[in-house]
């Protein structure tokens, strides 16, 4: 008999889910709670569940904080996220935390049963479409990072010096004085870098300089 815990602040949804699960053979609900704080207080006084079914958006302690606490106290505990939010929004965080699976609340009951059984038997449940989305997202991000690194490497020493001054509180005229050039030259540096780095403002230039390590924050 697999022991399950249901953690969700929506009582009607939680009770409906409990009703479904208790009608399936092989499952027992050993704990219900409305948030992570209630779960934390109740766990020492109940049988440790084989699987925790967990919502993300909850008061006092959200699903991710609850999962992190559970996995710290009980390494290897199996956790399934059931949320209204699309999996693609949170899949990477789930992987980082060590959560075993994720399905949406509007999934059909067969998918929920499949997810629970696969987690209990294999230790994970993966939605292939979400994995493809994550891999595509990572590939795009890696390409963007590589382009930014190439752009930074191609900057001249003078451009890097200008970017360093941009990260201070000095205005363009003061920067011109510090670099011993005319304000018009400074305007030229700025306009050229805006075009070269494909950003729209001084804030964009400052962000680029910090991310590429041209300027280190104190």
N, C-alpha and C. Protein backbone atom coordinates (compact mmCIF):
# COMPACT_ATOMS: atom_id res chain seq x y z
N UNK A 1 0.85 -1.20 0.00
CA UNK A 1 0.00 0.00 0.00
C UNK A 1 0.88 1.25 0.00
N UNK A 2 0.78 2.05 -1.05
CA UNK A 2 1.58 3.27 -1.15
C UNK A 2 0.94 4.38 -0.33
N UNK A 3 1.75 5.02 0.51
CA UNK A 3 1.25 6.08 1.39
C UNK A 3 1.49 7.44 0.73
N UNK A 4 0.42 8.24 0.62
CA UNK A 4 0.48 9.52 -0.07
C UNK A 4 0.14 10.66 0.88
N UNK A 5 0.79 11.83 0.64
CA UNK A 5 0.45 13.07 1.34
C UNK A 5 -0.02 14.08 0.30
N UNK A 6 -1.10 14.80 0.60
CA UNK A 6 -1.65 15.80 -0.31
C UNK A 6 -1.51 17.18 0.32
N UNK A 7 -0.78 18.07 -0.35
CA UNK A 7 -0.53 19.41 0.20
C UNK A 7 -1.04 20.43 -0.79
N UNK A 8 -2.15 21.08 -0.47
CA UNK A 8 -2.77 22.06 -1.37
C UNK A 8 -3.70 22.92 -0.54
N UNK A 9 -3.64 24.24 -0.75
CA UNK A 9 -4.47 25.13 0.04
C UNK A 9 -5.91 25.21 -0.46
N UNK A 10 -6.18 24.67 -1.66
CA UNK A 10 -7.55 24.63 -2.16
C UNK A 10 -8.22 23.35 -1.63
N UNK A 11 -9.04 23.52 -0.62
CA UNK A 11 -9.59 22.37 0.10
C UNK A 11 -10.46 21.50 -0.80
N UNK A 12 -11.28 22.14 -1.65
CA UNK A 12 -12.18 21.37 -2.50
C UNK A 12 -11.37 20.49 -3.46
N UNK A 13 -10.33 21.07 -4.06
CA UNK A 13 -9.48 20.29 -4.97
C UNK A 13 -8.80 19.15 -4.21
N UNK A 14 -8.28 19.46 -3.01
CA UNK A 14 -7.56 18.45 -2.24
C UNK A 14 -8.48 17.29 -1.84
N UNK A 15 -9.69 17.61 -1.43
CA UNK A 15 -10.63 16.57 -1.02
C UNK A 15 -11.07 15.74 -2.24
N UNK A 16 -11.27 16.40 -3.38
CA UNK A 16 -11.65 15.67 -4.59
C UNK A 16 -10.53 14.73 -5.01
N UNK A 17 -9.29 15.22 -4.94
CA UNK A 17 -8.15 14.39 -5.30
C UNK A 17 -8.02 13.21 -4.33
N UNK A 18 -8.23 13.46 -3.05
CA UNK A 18 -8.16 12.40 -2.06
C UNK A 18 -9.22 11.34 -2.33
N UNK A 19 -10.41 11.79 -2.76
CA UNK A 19 -11.49 10.86 -3.06
C UNK A 19 -11.13 9.97 -4.24
N UNK A 20 -10.56 10.56 -5.29
CA UNK A 20 -10.11 9.78 -6.44
C UNK A 20 -9.08 8.74 -6.03
N UNK A 21 -8.08 9.19 -5.28
CA UNK A 21 -6.95 8.31 -4.95
C UNK A 21 -7.36 7.16 -4.03
N UNK A 22 -8.25 7.42 -3.10
CA UNK A 22 -8.66 6.35 -2.18
C UNK A 22 -9.53 5.31 -2.89
N UNK A 23 -10.11 5.67 -4.03
CA UNK A 23 -10.89 4.71 -4.81
C UNK A 23 -10.00 3.81 -5.66
N UNK A 24 -8.73 4.17 -5.82
CA UNK A 24 -7.80 3.32 -6.56
C UNK A 24 -7.16 2.34 -5.59
N UNK A 25 -7.00 1.14 -6.02
CA UNK A 25 -6.38 0.14 -5.17
C UNK A 25 -4.89 0.44 -5.01
N UNK A 26 -4.39 0.24 -3.82
CA UNK A 26 -2.96 0.35 -3.58
C UNK A 26 -2.50 1.69 -3.05
N UNK A 27 -3.44 2.63 -2.78
CA UNK A 27 -3.06 3.95 -2.29
C UNK A 27 -3.76 4.25 -0.96
N UNK A 28 -3.03 4.91 -0.08
CA UNK A 28 -3.58 5.33 1.20
C UNK A 28 -3.15 6.77 1.48
N UNK A 29 -4.11 7.64 1.79
CA UNK A 29 -3.80 9.03 2.14
C UNK A 29 -3.46 9.07 3.62
N UNK A 30 -2.22 9.38 3.94
CA UNK A 30 -1.80 9.40 5.35
C UNK A 30 -1.73 10.81 5.91
N UNK A 31 -1.79 11.83 5.02
CA UNK A 31 -1.65 13.20 5.52
C UNK A 31 -2.24 14.17 4.50
N UNK A 32 -2.96 15.16 4.98
CA UNK A 32 -3.42 16.28 4.17
C UNK A 32 -3.02 17.58 4.87
N UNK A 33 -2.62 18.58 4.08
CA UNK A 33 -2.26 19.88 4.66
C UNK A 33 -2.53 20.98 3.64
N UNK A 34 -2.69 22.20 4.16
CA UNK A 34 -3.00 23.33 3.29
C UNK A 34 -1.79 24.11 2.84
N UNK A 35 -0.62 23.84 3.42
CA UNK A 35 0.61 24.52 3.01
C UNK A 35 1.81 23.80 3.64
N UNK A 36 2.99 24.27 3.29
CA UNK A 36 4.21 23.62 3.77
C UNK A 36 4.39 23.70 5.27
N UNK A 37 3.94 24.78 5.88
CA UNK A 37 4.07 24.92 7.33
C UNK A 37 3.26 23.86 8.05
N UNK A 38 2.01 23.65 7.60
CA UNK A 38 1.17 22.61 8.20
C UNK A 38 1.79 21.23 8.01
N UNK A 39 2.34 20.99 6.85
CA UNK A 39 3.00 19.70 6.58
C UNK A 39 4.18 19.49 7.51
N UNK A 40 5.00 20.52 7.65
CA UNK A 40 6.19 20.44 8.51
C UNK A 40 5.81 20.10 9.95
N UNK A 41 4.72 20.68 10.43
CA UNK A 41 4.29 20.43 11.80
C UNK A 41 3.67 19.03 11.96
N UNK A 42 3.04 18.53 10.89
CA UNK A 42 2.31 17.27 10.98
C UNK A 42 3.20 16.05 10.75
N UNK A 43 4.26 16.18 9.96
CA UNK A 43 5.05 15.01 9.56
C UNK A 43 5.60 14.19 10.73
N UNK A 44 6.11 14.83 11.78
CA UNK A 44 6.66 13.99 12.88
C UNK A 44 5.64 13.10 13.56
N UNK A 45 4.34 13.39 13.36
CA UNK A 45 3.29 12.65 14.07
C UNK A 45 2.52 11.69 13.17
N UNK A 46 3.04 11.47 11.96
CA UNK A 46 2.35 10.57 11.05
C UNK A 46 3.35 9.66 10.36
N UNK A 47 2.84 8.66 9.69
CA UNK A 47 3.70 7.75 8.93
C UNK A 47 4.30 8.51 7.74
N UNK A 48 5.59 8.34 7.52
CA UNK A 48 6.26 9.06 6.44
C UNK A 48 5.70 8.61 5.09
N UNK A 49 5.24 9.54 4.26
CA UNK A 49 4.62 9.15 2.99
C UNK A 49 5.66 8.64 1.98
N UNK A 50 5.19 7.78 1.07
CA UNK A 50 6.03 7.33 -0.04
C UNK A 50 6.10 8.38 -1.14
N UNK A 51 5.05 9.21 -1.22
CA UNK A 51 4.99 10.25 -2.24
C UNK A 51 4.22 11.44 -1.69
N UNK A 52 4.78 12.64 -1.89
CA UNK A 52 4.10 13.88 -1.52
C UNK A 52 3.61 14.55 -2.79
N UNK A 53 2.31 14.81 -2.87
CA UNK A 53 1.71 15.53 -4.00
C UNK A 53 1.51 16.97 -3.55
N UNK A 54 2.12 17.88 -4.28
CA UNK A 54 2.36 19.23 -3.75
C UNK A 54 1.95 20.31 -4.76
N UNK A 55 1.22 21.31 -4.29
CA UNK A 55 0.92 22.49 -5.09
C UNK A 55 2.10 23.47 -5.00
N UNK A 56 2.17 24.45 -5.92
CA UNK A 56 3.23 25.46 -5.86
C UNK A 56 2.76 26.70 -5.10
N UNK A 57 1.65 27.30 -5.54
CA UNK A 57 1.19 28.54 -4.93
C UNK A 57 0.38 28.27 -3.68
N UNK A 58 1.03 28.42 -2.53
CA UNK A 58 0.35 28.21 -1.25
C UNK A 58 0.80 29.30 -0.28
N UNK A 59 -0.06 29.67 0.68
CA UNK A 59 0.34 30.67 1.68
C UNK A 59 1.36 30.11 2.65
N UNK A 60 2.09 31.02 3.29
CA UNK A 60 3.06 30.72 4.36
C UNK A 60 4.32 30.03 3.85
N UNK A 61 4.17 28.91 3.12
CA UNK A 61 5.35 28.24 2.56
C UNK A 61 4.94 27.63 1.22
N UNK A 62 5.52 28.15 0.12
CA UNK A 62 5.10 27.67 -1.19
C UNK A 62 5.66 26.28 -1.49
N UNK A 63 5.28 25.74 -2.64
CA UNK A 63 5.65 24.38 -2.98
C UNK A 63 7.13 24.15 -3.12
N UNK A 64 7.83 25.10 -3.72
CA UNK A 64 9.27 24.92 -3.92
C UNK A 64 10.02 24.97 -2.60
N UNK A 65 9.64 25.90 -1.72
CA UNK A 65 10.27 25.95 -0.40
C UNK A 65 9.96 24.69 0.40
N UNK A 66 8.73 24.21 0.26
CA UNK A 66 8.35 22.98 0.96
C UNK A 66 9.15 21.79 0.44
N UNK A 67 9.29 21.71 -0.89
CA UNK A 67 10.06 20.61 -1.49
C UNK A 67 11.51 20.65 -1.03
N UNK A 68 12.09 21.85 -1.01
CA UNK A 68 13.49 21.98 -0.57
C UNK A 68 13.65 21.52 0.87
N UNK A 69 12.70 21.89 1.72
CA UNK A 69 12.75 21.47 3.13
C UNK A 69 12.62 19.95 3.26
N UNK A 70 11.66 19.38 2.55
CA UNK A 70 11.44 17.94 2.61
C UNK A 70 12.68 17.16 2.16
N UNK A 71 13.25 17.58 1.04
CA UNK A 71 14.39 16.85 0.50
C UNK A 71 15.64 17.03 1.36
N UNK A 72 15.69 18.14 2.12
CA UNK A 72 16.80 18.33 3.06
C UNK A 72 16.64 17.40 4.27
N UNK A 73 15.42 17.32 4.78
CA UNK A 73 15.17 16.50 5.97
C UNK A 73 15.08 15.01 5.64
N UNK A 74 14.50 14.72 4.47
CA UNK A 74 14.27 13.32 4.08
C UNK A 74 14.84 13.09 2.67
N UNK A 75 16.14 12.98 2.53
CA UNK A 75 16.75 12.80 1.21
C UNK A 75 16.14 11.60 0.48
N UNK A 76 15.83 11.81 -0.78
CA UNK A 76 15.25 10.73 -1.57
C UNK A 76 13.73 10.69 -1.54
N UNK A 77 13.11 11.57 -0.75
CA UNK A 77 11.64 11.58 -0.71
C UNK A 77 11.09 11.90 -2.10
N UNK A 78 10.06 11.21 -2.51
CA UNK A 78 9.46 11.39 -3.82
C UNK A 78 8.40 12.49 -3.75
N UNK A 79 8.51 13.45 -4.69
CA UNK A 79 7.60 14.60 -4.70
C UNK A 79 7.05 14.78 -6.11
N UNK A 80 5.73 14.94 -6.20
CA UNK A 80 5.05 15.25 -7.47
C UNK A 80 4.38 16.60 -7.33
N UNK A 81 4.74 17.53 -8.21
CA UNK A 81 4.08 18.84 -8.24
C UNK A 81 2.81 18.73 -9.08
N UNK A 82 1.69 19.23 -8.54
CA UNK A 82 0.44 19.34 -9.29
C UNK A 82 0.01 20.80 -9.20
N UNK A 83 0.07 21.52 -10.33
CA UNK A 83 -0.10 22.97 -10.29
C UNK A 83 -0.95 23.45 -11.45
N UNK A 84 -1.53 24.64 -11.30
CA UNK A 84 -2.25 25.28 -12.39
C UNK A 84 -1.30 25.83 -13.44
N UNK A 85 -0.05 26.08 -13.05
CA UNK A 85 0.92 26.72 -13.95
C UNK A 85 1.51 25.70 -14.91
N UNK A 86 1.79 26.11 -16.16
CA UNK A 86 2.39 25.18 -17.13
C UNK A 86 3.74 24.65 -16.64
N UNK A 87 4.01 23.39 -16.92
CA UNK A 87 5.24 22.76 -16.47
C UNK A 87 6.48 23.45 -17.02
N UNK A 88 6.37 23.95 -18.27
CA UNK A 88 7.54 24.57 -18.91
C UNK A 88 8.05 25.76 -18.13
N UNK A 89 7.17 26.41 -17.32
CA UNK A 89 7.58 27.57 -16.54
C UNK A 89 8.51 27.17 -15.39
N UNK A 90 8.39 25.92 -14.93
CA UNK A 90 9.07 25.54 -13.69
C UNK A 90 9.90 24.27 -13.79
N UNK A 91 9.99 23.68 -14.98
CA UNK A 91 10.66 22.39 -15.10
C UNK A 91 12.11 22.47 -14.66
N UNK A 92 12.80 23.54 -15.04
CA UNK A 92 14.22 23.64 -14.69
C UNK A 92 14.41 23.71 -13.17
N UNK A 93 13.55 24.46 -12.50
CA UNK A 93 13.65 24.56 -11.04
C UNK A 93 13.36 23.21 -10.39
N UNK A 94 12.39 22.48 -10.94
CA UNK A 94 12.07 21.14 -10.41
C UNK A 94 13.28 20.23 -10.54
N UNK A 95 13.95 20.28 -11.68
CA UNK A 95 15.13 19.44 -11.89
C UNK A 95 16.24 19.81 -10.91
N UNK A 96 16.41 21.11 -10.67
CA UNK A 96 17.45 21.56 -9.76
C UNK A 96 17.18 21.09 -8.33
N UNK A 97 15.91 21.11 -7.93
CA UNK A 97 15.56 20.73 -6.57
C UNK A 97 15.57 19.22 -6.36
N UNK A 98 15.34 18.47 -7.44
CA UNK A 98 15.25 17.02 -7.31
C UNK A 98 13.83 16.52 -7.19
N UNK A 99 12.86 17.34 -7.64
CA UNK A 99 11.46 16.93 -7.64
C UNK A 99 11.25 15.87 -8.72
N UNK A 100 10.44 14.86 -8.43
CA UNK A 100 10.34 13.68 -9.31
C UNK A 100 9.44 13.87 -10.51
N UNK A 101 8.48 14.79 -10.42
CA UNK A 101 7.56 14.95 -11.55
C UNK A 101 6.70 16.18 -11.40
N UNK A 102 5.98 16.52 -12.48
CA UNK A 102 5.19 17.74 -12.52
C UNK A 102 4.04 17.51 -13.50
N UNK A 103 2.81 17.74 -13.05
CA UNK A 103 1.69 17.75 -13.98
C UNK A 103 0.78 18.92 -13.63
N UNK A 104 -0.05 19.32 -14.59
CA UNK A 104 -0.96 20.43 -14.37
C UNK A 104 -2.27 19.93 -13.78
N UNK A 105 -2.95 20.82 -13.08
CA UNK A 105 -4.20 20.45 -12.43
C UNK A 105 -5.31 20.12 -13.42
N UNK A 106 -5.17 20.62 -14.65
CA UNK A 106 -6.21 20.31 -15.64
C UNK A 106 -5.88 19.05 -16.44
N UNK A 107 -4.84 18.31 -16.02
CA UNK A 107 -4.53 17.04 -16.67
C UNK A 107 -5.65 16.03 -16.38
N UNK A 108 -5.81 15.06 -17.26
CA UNK A 108 -6.84 14.05 -17.00
C UNK A 108 -6.37 13.10 -15.90
N UNK A 109 -7.34 12.38 -15.34
CA UNK A 109 -7.05 11.55 -14.18
C UNK A 109 -6.12 10.40 -14.53
N UNK A 110 -6.16 9.96 -15.80
CA UNK A 110 -5.26 8.88 -16.23
C UNK A 110 -3.80 9.32 -16.19
N UNK A 111 -3.57 10.59 -16.58
CA UNK A 111 -2.19 11.09 -16.54
C UNK A 111 -1.69 11.20 -15.11
N UNK A 112 -2.57 11.62 -14.20
CA UNK A 112 -2.19 11.69 -12.79
C UNK A 112 -1.81 10.30 -12.27
N UNK A 113 -2.64 9.30 -12.59
CA UNK A 113 -2.34 7.95 -12.14
C UNK A 113 -1.03 7.44 -12.73
N UNK A 114 -0.81 7.75 -14.01
CA UNK A 114 0.44 7.35 -14.66
C UNK A 114 1.63 8.00 -13.98
N UNK A 115 1.50 9.28 -13.64
CA UNK A 115 2.60 10.01 -13.00
C UNK A 115 2.91 9.40 -11.63
N UNK A 116 1.87 9.13 -10.84
CA UNK A 116 2.07 8.57 -9.51
C UNK A 116 2.73 7.19 -9.59
N UNK A 117 2.21 6.35 -10.46
CA UNK A 117 2.75 4.99 -10.57
C UNK A 117 4.19 5.00 -11.07
N UNK A 118 4.47 5.87 -12.05
CA UNK A 118 5.83 5.90 -12.59
C UNK A 118 6.82 6.42 -11.55
N UNK A 119 6.42 7.41 -10.76
CA UNK A 119 7.31 7.93 -9.71
C UNK A 119 7.56 6.86 -8.65
N UNK A 120 6.52 6.18 -8.24
CA UNK A 120 6.68 5.15 -7.21
C UNK A 120 7.54 3.98 -7.70
N UNK A 121 7.43 3.66 -8.99
CA UNK A 121 8.16 2.51 -9.53
C UNK A 121 9.56 2.87 -10.03
N UNK A 122 9.66 4.02 -10.72
CA UNK A 122 10.92 4.37 -11.37
C UNK A 122 11.62 5.57 -10.73
N UNK A 123 10.87 6.33 -9.93
CA UNK A 123 11.48 7.47 -9.27
C UNK A 123 11.33 8.79 -10.00
N UNK A 124 10.65 8.78 -11.17
CA UNK A 124 10.49 10.04 -11.91
C UNK A 124 9.31 9.93 -12.86
N UNK A 125 8.77 11.09 -13.24
CA UNK A 125 7.76 11.18 -14.30
C UNK A 125 8.15 12.35 -15.18
N UNK A 126 8.29 12.12 -16.48
CA UNK A 126 8.76 13.16 -17.40
C UNK A 126 7.75 13.33 -18.52
N UNK A 127 7.37 14.58 -18.77
CA UNK A 127 6.55 14.92 -19.92
C UNK A 127 7.48 15.25 -21.08
N UNK A 128 7.51 14.43 -22.14
CA UNK A 128 8.47 14.65 -23.24
C UNK A 128 8.39 16.03 -23.87
N UNK A 129 7.17 16.56 -24.04
CA UNK A 129 7.02 17.87 -24.67
C UNK A 129 7.70 18.96 -23.85
N UNK A 130 7.60 18.87 -22.53
CA UNK A 130 8.23 19.87 -21.66
C UNK A 130 9.75 19.77 -21.72
N UNK A 131 10.28 18.55 -21.82
CA UNK A 131 11.73 18.37 -21.93
C UNK A 131 12.26 18.98 -23.22
N UNK A 132 11.51 18.79 -24.31
CA UNK A 132 11.91 19.38 -25.60
C UNK A 132 11.94 20.89 -25.48
N UNK A 133 10.91 21.46 -24.83
CA UNK A 133 10.85 22.91 -24.65
C UNK A 133 12.05 23.41 -23.84
N UNK A 134 12.38 22.68 -22.77
CA UNK A 134 13.50 23.09 -21.92
C UNK A 134 14.82 23.04 -22.68
N UNK A 135 15.03 21.97 -23.43
CA UNK A 135 16.27 21.84 -24.21
C UNK A 135 16.37 22.95 -25.24
N UNK A 136 15.25 23.28 -25.89
CA UNK A 136 15.25 24.35 -26.89
C UNK A 136 15.57 25.69 -26.23
N UNK A 137 14.97 25.91 -25.06
CA UNK A 137 15.20 27.16 -24.31
C UNK A 137 16.67 27.28 -23.92
N UNK A 138 17.26 26.17 -23.43
CA UNK A 138 18.66 26.19 -23.03
C UNK A 138 19.57 26.44 -24.23
N UNK A 139 19.22 25.83 -25.38
CA UNK A 139 20.04 26.02 -26.57
C UNK A 139 20.04 27.47 -27.00
N UNK A 140 18.86 28.09 -26.99
CA UNK A 140 18.76 29.51 -27.36
C UNK A 140 19.56 30.37 -26.40
N UNK A 141 19.45 30.09 -25.08
CA UNK A 141 20.16 30.88 -24.08
C UNK A 141 21.66 30.73 -24.23
N UNK A 142 22.11 29.50 -24.52
CA UNK A 142 23.54 29.27 -24.72
C UNK A 142 24.05 30.04 -25.93
N UNK A 143 23.24 30.09 -26.99
CA UNK A 143 23.63 30.83 -28.19
C UNK A 143 23.72 32.33 -27.88
N UNK A 144 22.75 32.84 -27.11
CA UNK A 144 22.77 34.27 -26.74
C UNK A 144 24.01 34.58 -25.91
N UNK A 145 24.33 33.70 -24.95
CA UNK A 145 25.51 33.89 -24.09
C UNK A 145 26.79 33.87 -24.91
N UNK A 146 26.87 32.95 -25.87
CA UNK A 146 28.07 32.85 -26.71
C UNK A 146 28.25 34.10 -27.55
N UNK A 147 27.16 34.63 -28.09
CA UNK A 147 27.23 35.85 -28.90
C UNK A 147 27.70 37.02 -28.05
N UNK A 148 27.16 37.14 -26.83
CA UNK A 148 27.55 38.24 -25.94
C UNK A 148 29.04 38.15 -25.59
N UNK A 149 29.54 36.93 -25.37
CA UNK A 149 30.96 36.76 -25.06
C UNK A 149 31.82 37.17 -26.24
N UNK A 150 31.39 36.83 -27.45
CA UNK A 150 32.13 37.24 -28.65
C UNK A 150 32.12 38.76 -28.79
N UNK A 151 30.98 39.37 -28.50
CA UNK A 151 30.89 40.83 -28.58
C UNK A 151 31.84 41.49 -27.58
N UNK A 152 31.89 40.95 -26.37
CA UNK A 152 32.77 41.51 -25.34
C UNK A 152 34.23 41.37 -25.75
N UNK A 153 34.58 40.23 -26.32
CA UNK A 153 35.97 39.99 -26.73
C UNK A 153 36.39 40.93 -27.85
N UNK A 154 35.43 41.38 -28.66
CA UNK A 154 35.73 42.23 -29.81
C UNK A 154 35.83 43.71 -29.44
N UNK A 155 35.51 44.08 -28.20
CA UNK A 155 35.56 45.49 -27.81
C UNK A 155 37.01 45.98 -27.71
N UNK A 156 37.19 47.23 -28.04
CA UNK A 156 38.52 47.83 -27.89
C UNK A 156 38.74 48.21 -26.42
N UNK A 157 39.99 48.47 -26.07
CA UNK A 157 40.29 48.91 -24.70
C UNK A 157 39.56 50.20 -24.37
N UNK A 158 39.47 51.08 -25.37
CA UNK A 158 38.81 52.37 -25.16
C UNK A 158 37.31 52.18 -24.91
N UNK A 159 36.70 51.25 -25.64
CA UNK A 159 35.28 50.97 -25.44
C UNK A 159 35.04 50.36 -24.06
N UNK A 160 35.94 49.50 -23.63
CA UNK A 160 35.80 48.90 -22.30
C UNK A 160 35.96 49.97 -21.22
N UNK A 161 36.88 50.89 -21.44
CA UNK A 161 37.06 51.99 -20.48
C UNK A 161 35.80 52.82 -20.39
N UNK A 162 35.21 53.11 -21.56
CA UNK A 162 33.96 53.88 -21.59
C UNK A 162 32.85 53.14 -20.84
N UNK A 163 32.72 51.83 -21.06
CA UNK A 163 31.71 51.05 -20.36
C UNK A 163 31.94 51.08 -18.85
N UNK A 164 33.21 51.07 -18.44
CA UNK A 164 33.53 51.13 -17.01
C UNK A 164 33.04 52.44 -16.41
N UNK A 165 33.27 53.54 -17.11
CA UNK A 165 32.80 54.83 -16.62
C UNK A 165 31.27 54.91 -16.61
N UNK A 166 30.63 54.23 -17.57
CA UNK A 166 29.16 54.23 -17.61
C UNK A 166 28.57 53.61 -16.34
N UNK A 167 29.31 52.72 -15.71
CA UNK A 167 28.82 52.03 -14.52
C UNK A 167 29.00 52.86 -13.26
N UNK A 168 29.46 54.09 -13.41
CA UNK A 168 29.56 55.01 -12.28
C UNK A 168 28.38 55.97 -12.33
N UNK A 169 28.36 56.94 -11.41
CA UNK A 169 27.27 57.91 -11.40
C UNK A 169 27.59 59.15 -12.20
N UNK A 170 28.65 59.11 -12.98
CA UNK A 170 29.08 60.29 -13.75
C UNK A 170 28.23 60.45 -15.01
N UNK A 171 27.95 61.70 -15.37
CA UNK A 171 27.25 62.00 -16.62
C UNK A 171 28.19 61.93 -17.80
N UNK A 172 27.64 62.07 -18.99
CA UNK A 172 28.46 61.93 -20.20
C UNK A 172 29.55 63.02 -20.29
N UNK A 173 29.24 64.22 -19.88
CA UNK A 173 30.24 65.29 -19.93
C UNK A 173 31.39 65.00 -18.97
N UNK A 174 31.06 64.49 -17.78
CA UNK A 174 32.10 64.14 -16.81
C UNK A 174 32.95 62.97 -17.32
N UNK A 175 32.32 62.02 -17.98
CA UNK A 175 33.07 60.90 -18.55
C UNK A 175 34.02 61.39 -19.62
N UNK A 176 33.56 62.35 -20.42
CA UNK A 176 34.42 62.92 -21.46
C UNK A 176 35.66 63.55 -20.83
N UNK A 177 35.49 64.26 -19.71
CA UNK A 177 36.63 64.87 -19.03
C UNK A 177 37.58 63.81 -18.49
N UNK A 178 37.05 62.74 -17.92
CA UNK A 178 37.88 61.69 -17.36
C UNK A 178 38.66 60.95 -18.45
N UNK A 179 38.07 60.84 -19.64
CA UNK A 179 38.73 60.13 -20.73
C UNK A 179 39.51 61.06 -21.65
N UNK A 180 39.51 62.36 -21.32
CA UNK A 180 40.26 63.37 -22.08
C UNK A 180 39.85 63.39 -23.55
N UNK A 181 38.53 63.36 -23.78
CA UNK A 181 38.00 63.47 -25.14
C UNK A 181 36.84 64.45 -25.10
N UNK A 182 36.34 64.81 -26.27
CA UNK A 182 35.22 65.74 -26.34
C UNK A 182 33.90 65.03 -26.08
N UNK A 183 32.87 65.76 -25.63
CA UNK A 183 31.55 65.17 -25.45
C UNK A 183 31.03 64.52 -26.73
N UNK A 184 31.39 65.09 -27.89
CA UNK A 184 30.94 64.50 -29.16
C UNK A 184 31.55 63.12 -29.36
N UNK A 185 32.81 62.96 -28.96
CA UNK A 185 33.45 61.63 -29.07
C UNK A 185 32.76 60.63 -28.17
N UNK A 186 32.40 61.07 -26.98
CA UNK A 186 31.68 60.20 -26.04
C UNK A 186 30.34 59.79 -26.63
N UNK A 187 29.65 60.75 -27.25
CA UNK A 187 28.38 60.41 -27.90
C UNK A 187 28.61 59.36 -28.99
N UNK A 188 29.74 59.46 -29.68
CA UNK A 188 30.07 58.49 -30.72
C UNK A 188 30.30 57.10 -30.14
N UNK A 189 31.04 57.05 -29.02
CA UNK A 189 31.25 55.77 -28.33
C UNK A 189 29.90 55.14 -27.96
N UNK A 190 29.04 55.97 -27.35
CA UNK A 190 27.74 55.47 -26.88
C UNK A 190 26.90 54.94 -28.04
N UNK A 191 26.78 55.74 -29.10
CA UNK A 191 25.93 55.33 -30.22
C UNK A 191 26.46 54.09 -30.91
N UNK A 192 27.79 54.01 -31.03
CA UNK A 192 28.39 52.84 -31.68
C UNK A 192 28.16 51.58 -30.85
N UNK A 193 28.29 51.69 -29.52
CA UNK A 193 28.09 50.52 -28.66
C UNK A 193 26.62 50.10 -28.59
N UNK A 194 25.72 51.08 -28.60
CA UNK A 194 24.30 50.74 -28.62
C UNK A 194 23.96 49.91 -29.85
N UNK A 195 24.54 50.30 -30.96
CA UNK A 195 24.30 49.57 -32.21
C UNK A 195 25.01 48.22 -32.21
N UNK A 196 26.27 48.22 -31.78
CA UNK A 196 27.08 47.00 -31.82
C UNK A 196 26.52 45.93 -30.87
N UNK A 197 26.08 46.34 -29.68
CA UNK A 197 25.62 45.39 -28.67
C UNK A 197 24.11 45.17 -28.73
N UNK A 198 23.43 45.92 -29.60
CA UNK A 198 21.99 45.77 -29.82
C UNK A 198 21.19 45.95 -28.53
N UNK A 199 21.52 47.03 -27.83
CA UNK A 199 20.74 47.43 -26.66
C UNK A 199 20.21 48.83 -26.90
N UNK A 200 19.28 49.28 -26.05
CA UNK A 200 18.58 50.53 -26.36
C UNK A 200 18.91 51.69 -25.45
N UNK A 201 19.70 51.45 -24.40
CA UNK A 201 19.90 52.53 -23.42
C UNK A 201 21.19 52.33 -22.65
N UNK A 202 21.52 53.31 -21.82
CA UNK A 202 22.68 53.22 -20.94
C UNK A 202 22.54 52.04 -19.99
N UNK A 203 21.30 51.80 -19.52
CA UNK A 203 21.08 50.67 -18.62
C UNK A 203 21.46 49.36 -19.32
N UNK A 204 21.12 49.24 -20.61
CA UNK A 204 21.48 48.05 -21.36
C UNK A 204 22.99 47.89 -21.47
N UNK A 205 23.71 48.98 -21.67
CA UNK A 205 25.17 48.93 -21.75
C UNK A 205 25.77 48.55 -20.41
N UNK A 206 25.24 49.12 -19.34
CA UNK A 206 25.73 48.80 -17.99
C UNK A 206 25.50 47.32 -17.68
N UNK A 207 24.31 46.83 -18.00
CA UNK A 207 23.99 45.42 -17.75
C UNK A 207 24.95 44.51 -18.51
N UNK A 208 25.22 44.85 -19.76
CA UNK A 208 26.15 44.06 -20.57
C UNK A 208 27.55 44.05 -19.94
N UNK A 209 28.01 45.21 -19.51
CA UNK A 209 29.34 45.32 -18.93
C UNK A 209 29.48 44.48 -17.66
N UNK A 210 28.43 44.46 -16.84
CA UNK A 210 28.47 43.69 -15.59
C UNK A 210 28.42 42.20 -15.89
N UNK A 211 27.51 41.80 -16.78
CA UNK A 211 27.36 40.37 -17.09
C UNK A 211 28.62 39.79 -17.73
N UNK A 212 29.33 40.59 -18.50
CA UNK A 212 30.52 40.09 -19.18
C UNK A 212 31.81 40.28 -18.37
N UNK A 213 31.66 40.78 -17.15
CA UNK A 213 32.80 40.90 -16.27
C UNK A 213 33.72 42.06 -16.62
N UNK A 214 33.26 42.96 -17.48
CA UNK A 214 34.07 44.15 -17.81
C UNK A 214 34.15 45.05 -16.59
N UNK A 215 33.07 45.07 -15.82
CA UNK A 215 33.00 45.83 -14.57
C UNK A 215 32.55 44.87 -13.49
N UNK A 216 33.21 44.87 -12.35
CA UNK A 216 32.83 44.05 -11.23
C UNK A 216 32.17 44.92 -10.17
N UNK A 217 31.02 44.47 -9.69
CA UNK A 217 30.35 45.23 -8.64
C UNK A 217 31.08 45.08 -7.32
N UNK A 218 31.13 46.15 -6.53
CA UNK A 218 31.81 46.06 -5.23
C UNK A 218 31.07 45.14 -4.28
